[in-house]
C-alpha atoms as a PDB file:
ATOM      1  CA  UNK A   1      12.756 150.786  41.266  1.00  0.00           C
ATOM      2  CA  UNK A   2      16.036 151.345  43.090  1.00  0.00           C
ATOM      3  CA  UNK A   3      18.933 149.209  41.916  1.00  0.00           C
ATOM      4  CA  UNK A   4      20.355 146.698  44.380  1.00  0.00           C
ATOM      5  CA  UNK A   5      23.654 147.667  45.939  1.00  0.00           C
ATOM      6  CA  UNK A   6      26.725 145.696  46.924  1.00  0.00           C
ATOM      7  CA  UNK A   7      29.932 146.570  48.690  1.00  0.00           C
ATOM      8  CA  UNK A   8      33.103 147.812  47.056  1.00  0.00           C
ATOM      9  CA  UNK A   9      35.459 147.866  49.990  1.00  0.00           C
ATOM     10  CA  UNK A  10      33.720 149.945  52.647  1.00  0.00           C
ATOM     11  CA  UNK A  11      31.570 151.756  50.055  1.00  0.00           C
ATOM     12  CA  UNK A  12      28.116 150.654  48.918  1.00  0.00           C
ATOM     13  CA  UNK A  13      27.770 150.853  45.148  1.00  0.00           C
ATOM     14  CA  UNK A  14      25.120 149.780  42.599  1.00  0.00           C
ATOM     15  CA  UNK A  15      25.609 146.127  41.601  1.00  0.00           C
ATOM     16  CA  UNK A  16      25.990 147.201  37.988  1.00  0.00           C
ATOM     17  CA  UNK A  17      29.103 149.224  38.854  1.00  0.00           C
ATOM     18  CA  UNK A  18      31.115 146.709  40.859  1.00  0.00           C
ATOM     19  CA  UNK A  19      32.541 144.592  38.043  1.00  0.00           C
ATOM     20  CA  UNK A  20      33.845 147.677  36.249  1.00  0.00           C
ATOM     21  CA  UNK A  21      35.460 148.945  39.425  1.00  0.00           C
ATOM     22  CA  UNK A  22      37.065 145.579  40.159  1.00  0.00           C
ATOM     23  CA  UNK A  23      38.333 145.434  36.569  1.00  0.00           C
ATOM     24  CA  UNK A  24      39.861 148.869  37.106  1.00  0.00           C
ATOM     25  CA  UNK A  25      41.616 147.768  40.295  1.00  0.00           C
ATOM     26  CA  UNK A  26      43.207 144.672  38.777  1.00  0.00           C
ATOM     27  CA  UNK A  27      43.957 146.319  35.449  1.00  0.00           C
ATOM     28  CA  UNK A  28      45.868 148.955  37.393  1.00  0.00           C
ATOM     29  CA  UNK A  29      47.956 146.515  39.430  1.00  0.00           C
ATOM     30  CA  UNK A  30      48.374 143.650  36.920  1.00  0.00           C
ATOM     31  CA  UNK A  31      52.055 144.206  36.114  1.00  0.00           C
ATOM     32  CA  UNK A  32      52.996 144.274  39.806  1.00  0.00           C
ATOM     33  CA  UNK A  33      50.411 141.793  41.105  1.00  0.00           C
ATOM     34  CA  UNK A  34      52.734 138.842  41.768  1.00  0.00           C
ATOM     35  CA  UNK A  35      55.432 141.053  43.318  1.00  0.00           C
ATOM     36  CA  UNK A  36      52.826 142.658  45.594  1.00  0.00           C
ATOM     37  CA  UNK A  37      51.510 139.261  46.686  1.00  0.00           C
ATOM     38  CA  UNK A  38      54.990 138.365  47.902  1.00  0.00           C
ATOM     39  CA  UNK A  39      55.454 141.734  49.618  1.00  0.00           C
ATOM     40  CA  UNK A  40      52.037 141.841  51.331  1.00  0.00           C
ATOM     41  CA  UNK A  41      52.144 138.296  52.662  1.00  0.00           C
ATOM     42  CA  UNK A  42      55.929 138.051  53.155  1.00  0.00           C
ATOM     43  CA  UNK A  43      55.778 135.194  50.652  1.00  0.00           C
ATOM     44  CA  UNK A  44      53.294 133.211  52.750  1.00  0.00           C
ATOM     45  CA  UNK A  45      50.708 133.180  49.926  1.00  0.00           C
ATOM     46  CA  UNK A  46      52.953 130.574  48.276  1.00  0.00           C
ATOM     47  CA  UNK A  47      52.634 128.297  51.328  1.00  0.00           C
ATOM     48  CA  UNK A  48      48.843 128.785  51.316  1.00  0.00           C
ATOM     49  CA  UNK A  49      48.648 127.852  47.632  1.00  0.00           C
ATOM     50  CA  UNK A  50      50.796 124.790  48.235  1.00  0.00           C
ATOM     51  CA  UNK A  51      48.453 123.819  51.097  1.00  0.00           C
ATOM     52  CA  UNK A  52      45.573 124.200  48.644  1.00  0.00           C
ATOM     53  CA  UNK A  53      47.274 121.783  46.233  1.00  0.00           C
ATOM     54  CA  UNK A  54      47.985 119.341  49.071  1.00  0.00           C
ATOM     55  CA  UNK A  55      44.292 119.147  49.963  1.00  0.00           C
ATOM     56  CA  UNK A  56      43.175 119.188  46.338  1.00  0.00           C
ATOM     57  CA  UNK A  57      45.610 116.387  45.350  1.00  0.00           C
ATOM     58  CA  UNK A  58      45.463 116.939  41.554  1.00  0.00           C
ATOM     59  CA  UNK A  59      45.384 113.773  39.468  1.00  0.00           C
ATOM     60  CA  UNK A  60      46.667 113.123  35.975  1.00  0.00           C
ATOM     61  CA  UNK A  61      44.174 113.926  33.245  1.00  0.00           C
ATOM     62  CA  UNK A  62      41.919 116.214  35.282  1.00  0.00           C
ATOM     63  CA  UNK A  63      40.389 119.350  33.787  1.00  0.00           C
ATOM     64  CA  UNK A  64      40.678 122.447  35.967  1.00  0.00           C
ATOM     65  CA  UNK A  65      38.768 125.711  35.766  1.00  0.00           C
ATOM     66  CA  UNK A  66      40.567 128.404  37.759  1.00  0.00           C
ATOM     67  CA  UNK A  67      38.245 131.407  38.072  1.00  0.00           C
ATOM     68  CA  UNK A  68      39.674 134.864  38.823  1.00  0.00           C
ATOM     69  CA  UNK A  69      42.849 133.004  37.900  1.00  0.00           C
ATOM     70  CA  UNK A  70      44.773 136.133  36.974  1.00  0.00           C
ATOM     71  CA  UNK A  71      48.406 135.382  36.284  1.00  0.00           C
ATOM     72  CA  UNK A  72      47.946 131.619  36.396  1.00  0.00           C
ATOM     73  CA  UNK A  73      49.541 130.911  39.770  1.00  0.00           C
ATOM     74  CA  UNK A  74      47.058 128.175  40.683  1.00  0.00           C
ATOM     75  CA  UNK A  75      46.821 126.718  37.175  1.00  0.00           C
ATOM     76  CA  UNK A  76      50.587 126.303  36.891  1.00  0.00           C
ATOM     77  CA  UNK A  77      50.755 124.659  40.325  1.00  0.00           C
ATOM     78  CA  UNK A  78      47.875 122.341  39.439  1.00  0.00           C
ATOM     79  CA  UNK A  79      49.456 121.193  36.170  1.00  0.00           C
ATOM     80  CA  UNK A  80      52.828 120.578  37.815  1.00  0.00           C
ATOM     81  CA  UNK A  81      51.177 118.437  40.508  1.00  0.00           C
ATOM     82  CA  UNK A  82      48.897 116.579  38.081  1.00  0.00           C
ATOM     83  CA  UNK A  83      51.721 115.760  35.682  1.00  0.00           C
ATOM     84  CA  UNK A  84      49.325 115.963  32.766  1.00  0.00           C
ATOM     85  CA  UNK A  85      45.917 117.577  32.468  1.00  0.00           C
ATOM     86  CA  UNK A  86      44.307 120.770  31.267  1.00  0.00           C
ATOM     87  CA  UNK A  87      43.708 124.107  32.963  1.00  0.00           C
ATOM     88  CA  UNK A  88      41.436 126.933  31.875  1.00  0.00           C
ATOM     89  CA  UNK A  89      42.252 130.270  33.499  1.00  0.00           C
ATOM     90  CA  UNK A  90      39.290 132.662  33.507  1.00  0.00           C
ATOM     91  CA  UNK A  91      39.526 136.262  34.653  1.00  0.00           C
ATOM     92  CA  UNK A  92      37.464 139.426  34.315  1.00  0.00           C
ATOM     93  CA  UNK A  93      40.609 141.463  33.644  1.00  0.00           C
ATOM     94  CA  UNK A  94      42.514 140.829  30.422  1.00  0.00           C
ATOM     95  CA  UNK A  95      45.759 142.548  31.563  1.00  0.00           C
ATOM     96  CA  UNK A  96      46.038 139.951  34.350  1.00  0.00           C
ATOM     97  CA  UNK A  97      45.802 137.102  31.815  1.00  0.00           C
ATOM     98  CA  UNK A  98      48.387 138.822  29.601  1.00  0.00           C
ATOM     99  CA  UNK A  99      50.799 138.881  32.549  1.00  0.00           C
ATOM    100  CA  UNK A 100      50.131 135.186  33.129  1.00  0.00           C
ATOM    101  CA  UNK A 101      51.088 134.349  29.552  1.00  0.00           C
ATOM    102  CA  UNK A 102      54.438 136.106  30.056  1.00  0.00           C
ATOM    103  CA  UNK A 103      55.484 133.797  32.897  1.00  0.00           C
ATOM    104  CA  UNK A 104      58.379 131.412  32.493  1.00  0.00           C
ATOM    105  CA  UNK A 105      56.110 128.346  32.632  1.00  0.00           C
ATOM    106  CA  UNK A 106      53.800 129.626  29.881  1.00  0.00           C
ATOM    107  CA  UNK A 107      55.617 128.177  26.866  1.00  0.00           C
ATOM    108  CA  UNK A 108      56.285 124.709  28.277  1.00  0.00           C
ATOM    109  CA  UNK A 109      52.661 124.364  29.421  1.00  0.00           C
ATOM    110  CA  UNK A 110      51.012 126.183  26.509  1.00  0.00           C
ATOM    111  CA  UNK A 111      49.302 123.059  25.137  1.00  0.00           C
ATOM    112  CA  UNK A 112      47.654 122.435  28.520  1.00  0.00           C
ATOM    113  CA  UNK A 113      46.394 125.967  29.145  1.00  0.00           C
ATOM    114  CA  UNK A 114      43.537 128.166  27.943  1.00  0.00           C
ATOM    115  CA  UNK A 115      43.158 131.820  28.918  1.00  0.00           C
ATOM    116  CA  UNK A 116      39.603 133.189  28.868  1.00  0.00           C
ATOM    117  CA  UNK A 117      38.225 136.641  29.666  1.00  0.00           C
ATOM    118  CA  UNK A 118      34.934 136.070  31.449  1.00  0.00           C
ATOM    119  CA  UNK A 119      32.626 136.629  34.390  1.00  0.00           C
ATOM    120  CA  UNK A 120      32.435 134.233  37.367  1.00  0.00           C
ATOM    121  CA  UNK A 121      28.657 134.823  37.525  1.00  0.00           C
ATOM    122  CA  UNK A 122      28.064 133.798  33.884  1.00  0.00           C
ATOM    123  CA  UNK A 123      30.670 131.233  32.867  1.00  0.00           C
ATOM    124  CA  UNK A 124      30.975 130.644  29.095  1.00  0.00           C
ATOM    125  CA  UNK A 125      31.121 126.848  29.471  1.00  0.00           C
ATOM    126  CA  UNK A 126      28.741 123.907  29.127  1.00  0.00           C
ATOM    127  CA  UNK A 127      27.323 122.100  32.147  1.00  0.00           C
ATOM    128  CA  UNK A 128      29.463 119.320  33.677  1.00  0.00           C
ATOM    129  CA  UNK A 129      32.668 120.319  31.863  1.00  0.00           C
ATOM    130  CA  UNK A 130      35.345 120.365  34.586  1.00  0.00           C
ATOM    131  CA  UNK A 131      36.701 118.014  37.251  1.00  0.00           C
ATOM    132  CA  UNK A 132      37.948 120.786  39.523  1.00  0.00           C
ATOM    133  CA  UNK A 133      36.924 124.422  40.085  1.00  0.00           C
ATOM    134  CA  UNK A 134      39.254 126.719  42.023  1.00  0.00           C
ATOM    135  CA  UNK A 135      39.059 130.394  42.902  1.00  0.00           C
ATOM    136  CA  UNK A 136      41.819 132.025  44.950  1.00  0.00           C
ATOM    137  CA  UNK A 137      41.516 135.474  46.514  1.00  0.00           C
ATOM    138  CA  UNK A 138      38.848 136.246  43.947  1.00  0.00           C
ATOM    139  CA  UNK A 139      35.392 135.378  45.218  1.00  0.00           C
ATOM    140  CA  UNK A 140      35.228 138.380  47.546  1.00  0.00           C
ATOM    141  CA  UNK A 141      35.559 140.590  44.437  1.00  0.00           C
ATOM    142  CA  UNK A 142      32.551 138.990  42.728  1.00  0.00           C
ATOM    143  CA  UNK A 143      29.377 141.102  42.820  1.00  0.00           C
ATOM    144  CA  UNK A 144      27.236 138.152  43.986  1.00  0.00           C
ATOM    145  CA  UNK A 145      29.375 135.320  45.387  1.00  0.00           C
ATOM    146  CA  UNK A 146      26.342 133.041  45.630  1.00  0.00           C
ATOM    147  CA  UNK A 147      25.876 133.363  41.839  1.00  0.00           C
ATOM    148  CA  UNK A 148      29.522 132.406  41.307  1.00  0.00           C
ATOM    149  CA  UNK A 149      29.087 129.328  43.519  1.00  0.00           C
ATOM    150  CA  UNK A 150      25.965 128.317  41.583  1.00  0.00           C
ATOM    151  CA  UNK A 151      27.926 128.592  38.338  1.00  0.00           C
ATOM    152  CA  UNK A 152      30.751 126.538  39.854  1.00  0.00           C
ATOM    153  CA  UNK A 153      28.242 123.803  40.675  1.00  0.00           C
ATOM    154  CA  UNK A 154      26.800 123.939  37.149  1.00  0.00           C
ATOM    155  CA  UNK A 155      30.092 123.573  35.256  1.00  0.00           C
ATOM    156  CA  UNK A 156      31.513 120.826  37.492  1.00  0.00           C
ATOM    157  CA  UNK A 157      30.845 117.258  36.473  1.00  0.00           C
ATOM    158  CA  UNK A 158      29.273 114.902  39.050  1.00  0.00           C
ATOM    159  CA  UNK A 159      32.066 113.947  41.429  1.00  0.00           C
ATOM    160  CA  UNK A 160      33.775 117.274  40.763  1.00  0.00           C
ATOM    161  CA  UNK A 161      35.503 119.340  43.442  1.00  0.00           C
ATOM    162  CA  UNK A 162      35.221 123.001  44.424  1.00  0.00           C
ATOM    163  CA  UNK A 163      38.035 124.671  46.335  1.00  0.00           C
ATOM    164  CA  UNK A 164      38.077 128.309  47.415  1.00  0.00           C
ATOM    165  CA  UNK A 165      41.125 130.032  48.904  1.00  0.00           C
ATOM    166  CA  UNK A 166      40.213 133.376  50.417  1.00  0.00           C
ATOM    167  CA  UNK A 167      41.196 135.748  53.171  1.00  0.00           C
ATOM    168  CA  UNK A 168      39.057 135.206  56.251  1.00  0.00           C
ATOM    169  CA  UNK A 169      38.747 136.088  59.937  1.00  0.00           C
ATOM    170  CA  UNK A 170      41.098 135.309  62.829  1.00  0.00           C
ATOM    171  CA  UNK A 171      39.133 133.774  65.746  1.00  0.00           C
ATOM    172  CA  UNK A 172      41.269 135.646  68.320  1.00  0.00           C
ATOM    173  CA  UNK A 173      40.100 139.301  68.746  1.00  0.00           C
ATOM    174  CA  UNK A 174      43.586 140.370  69.857  1.00  0.00           C
ATOM    175  CA  UNK A 175      45.310 138.784  66.871  1.00  0.00           C
ATOM    176  CA  UNK A 176      42.643 140.204  64.557  1.00  0.00           C
ATOM    177  CA  UNK A 177      43.413 143.677  65.928  1.00  0.00           C
ATOM    178  CA  UNK A 178      47.140 143.242  65.259  1.00  0.00           C
ATOM    179  CA  UNK A 179      46.341 141.988  61.754  1.00  0.00           C
ATOM    180  CA  UNK A 180      44.041 144.969  61.128  1.00  0.00           C
ATOM    181  CA  UNK A 181      46.794 147.375  62.170  1.00  0.00           C
ATOM    182  CA  UNK A 182      49.153 145.751  59.673  1.00  0.00           C
ATOM    183  CA  UNK A 183      46.563 145.562  56.892  1.00  0.00           C
ATOM    184  CA  UNK A 184      45.304 149.122  57.047  1.00  0.00           C
ATOM    185  CA  UNK A 185      48.641 150.808  57.771  1.00  0.00           C
ATOM    186  CA  UNK A 186      51.196 148.812  55.808  1.00  0.00           C
ATOM    187  CA  UNK A 187      49.498 147.224  52.783  1.00  0.00           C
ATOM    188  CA  UNK A 188      48.234 150.468  51.148  1.00  0.00           C
ATOM    189  CA  UNK A 189      51.725 151.952  51.624  1.00  0.00           C
ATOM    190  CA  UNK A 190      53.298 148.911  49.969  1.00  0.00           C
ATOM    191  CA  UNK A 191      50.804 149.376  47.141  1.00  0.00           C
ATOM    192  CA  UNK A 192      51.969 152.959  46.715  1.00  0.00           C
ATOM    193  CA  UNK A 193      55.656 152.036  46.806  1.00  0.00           C
ATOM    194  CA  UNK A 194      55.598 148.945  44.585  1.00  0.00           C
ATOM    195  CA  UNK A 195      52.580 149.370  42.293  1.00  0.00           C
ATOM    196  CA  UNK A 196      52.210 153.164  42.550  1.00  0.00           C
ATOM    197  CA  UNK A 197      48.596 152.532  43.505  1.00  0.00           C
ATOM    198  CA  UNK A 198      47.520 153.082  47.097  1.00  0.00           C
ATOM    199  CA  UNK A 199      43.767 153.161  46.410  1.00  0.00           C
ATOM    200  CA  UNK A 200      43.557 149.685  44.854  1.00  0.00           C
ATOM    201  CA  UNK A 201      45.256 148.112  47.842  1.00  0.00           C
ATOM    202  CA  UNK A 202      43.104 150.108  50.255  1.00  0.00           C
ATOM    203  CA  UNK A 203      40.114 148.553  48.483  1.00  0.00           C
ATOM    204  CA  UNK A 204      41.606 145.051  48.728  1.00  0.00           C
ATOM    205  CA  UNK A 205      42.117 145.399  52.492  1.00  0.00           C
ATOM    206  CA  UNK A 206      38.567 146.714  52.973  1.00  0.00           C
ATOM    207  CA  UNK A 207      37.088 143.941  50.814  1.00  0.00           C
ATOM    208  CA  UNK A 208      38.623 141.310  53.102  1.00  0.00           C
ATOM    209  CA  UNK A 209      36.798 142.789  56.100  1.00  0.00           C
ATOM    210  CA  UNK A 210      33.466 142.767  54.278  1.00  0.00           C
ATOM    211  CA  UNK A 211      33.712 139.098  53.278  1.00  0.00           C
ATOM    212  CA  UNK A 212      31.723 136.473  55.274  1.00  0.00           C
ATOM    213  CA  UNK A 213      33.577 134.579  57.992  1.00  0.00           C
ATOM    214  CA  UNK A 214      34.419 130.877  57.738  1.00  0.00           C
ATOM    215  CA  UNK A 215      31.095 129.461  58.956  1.00  0.00           C
ATOM    216  CA  UNK A 216      28.919 131.862  56.950  1.00  0.00           C
ATOM    217  CA  UNK A 217      30.818 131.149  53.758  1.00  0.00           C
ATOM    218  CA  UNK A 218      30.662 127.402  54.459  1.00  0.00           C
ATOM    219  CA  UNK A 219      26.870 127.710  54.539  1.00  0.00           C
ATOM    220  CA  UNK A 220      26.942 129.558  51.202  1.00  0.00           C
ATOM    221  CA  UNK A 221      28.901 126.651  49.694  1.00  0.00           C
ATOM    222  CA  UNK A 222      26.355 124.214  51.110  1.00  0.00           C
ATOM    223  CA  UNK A 223      23.443 126.340  49.826  1.00  0.00           C
ATOM    224  CA  UNK A 224      24.904 126.151  46.306  1.00  0.00           C
ATOM    225  CA  UNK A 225      24.383 122.386  46.375  1.00  0.00           C
ATOM    226  CA  UNK A 226      27.817 121.133  47.382  1.00  0.00           C
ATOM    227  CA  UNK A 227      28.193 118.214  49.790  1.00  0.00           C
ATOM    228  CA  UNK A 228      30.966 116.921  52.069  1.00  0.00           C
ATOM    229  CA  UNK A 229      31.838 120.568  52.671  1.00  0.00           C
ATOM    230  CA  UNK A 230      34.526 121.716  55.060  1.00  0.00           C
ATOM    231  CA  UNK A 231      37.199 124.305  55.653  1.00  0.00           C
ATOM    232  CA  UNK A 232      40.742 124.593  56.930  1.00  0.00           C
ATOM    233  CA  UNK A 233      42.195 127.748  58.441  1.00  0.00           C
ATOM    234  CA  UNK A 234      45.620 128.848  57.271  1.00  0.00           C
ATOM    235  CA  UNK A 235      47.891 131.068  59.394  1.00  0.00           C
ATOM    236  CA  UNK A 236      45.330 131.208  62.241  1.00  0.00           C
ATOM    237  CA  UNK A 237      42.507 132.168  59.876  1.00  0.00           C
ATOM    238  CA  UNK A 238      44.179 135.007  57.956  1.00  0.00           C
ATOM    239  CA  UNK A 239      43.316 132.818  54.977  1.00  0.00           C
ATOM    240  CA  UNK A 240      41.003 129.843  54.694  1.00  0.00           C
ATOM    241  CA  UNK A 241      40.397 126.959  52.304  1.00  0.00           C
ATOM    242  CA  UNK A 242      36.798 125.892  51.683  1.00  0.00           C
ATOM    243  CA  UNK A 243      36.108 122.604  49.915  1.00  0.00           C
ATOM    244  CA  UNK A 244      32.972 120.988  48.544  1.00  0.00           C
ATOM    245  CA  UNK A 245      31.959 118.184  46.189  1.00  0.00           C
ATOM    246  CA  UNK A 246      29.284 117.930  43.524  1.00  0.00           C
ATOM    247  CA  UNK A 247      27.842 114.546  44.395  1.00  0.00           C
END
């Protein structure tokens, strides 16, 4: 029987290969990942992540699972907003987690943080463990996003909140064309200059175009069992926040 395929950028690859390829991409760029985020988005990713925290409104004592959490950007923001709480950062790529532990905030927040190497489609946690599940610019890299959403639902406690920050689609065809010109011409070049890795950033640009648009992804969140679902476009839809609750 032929193995099912999935997309890796604009390529179709066997599902069994995608995780290894994604691990290769992020292992390659880990040391320059945060610098590249600033360069690619002109620093706007910070505003998007702050908007995520505004909508999430972290509360003292909450337990966060940040999947594909990489260098801990979301976890650190969450803990600062909550005042006290606990964050578990899970990522497929250990070099990304190692970079996160090197950050200035790591020592002062060490007691409130766990770093776990793991797969979004098979989380190593008990049911109903976390109050909040976040995934930022990561779900489009998961082999089967619907499996990741099902796992999110499983590990959230009743009353728990899902929030996904991901690149999306601009409703205006003209603006989308301008954005495409920037993405395909500038971002891989920045990757070459800053991270010495053009191919990884070519993949990241392609993966954005293959990801479902706002309404299709909203339906996927709903299909996973979440209720009170909704989304908010950021920067005209270049990025989008999706939210849902486990009721």
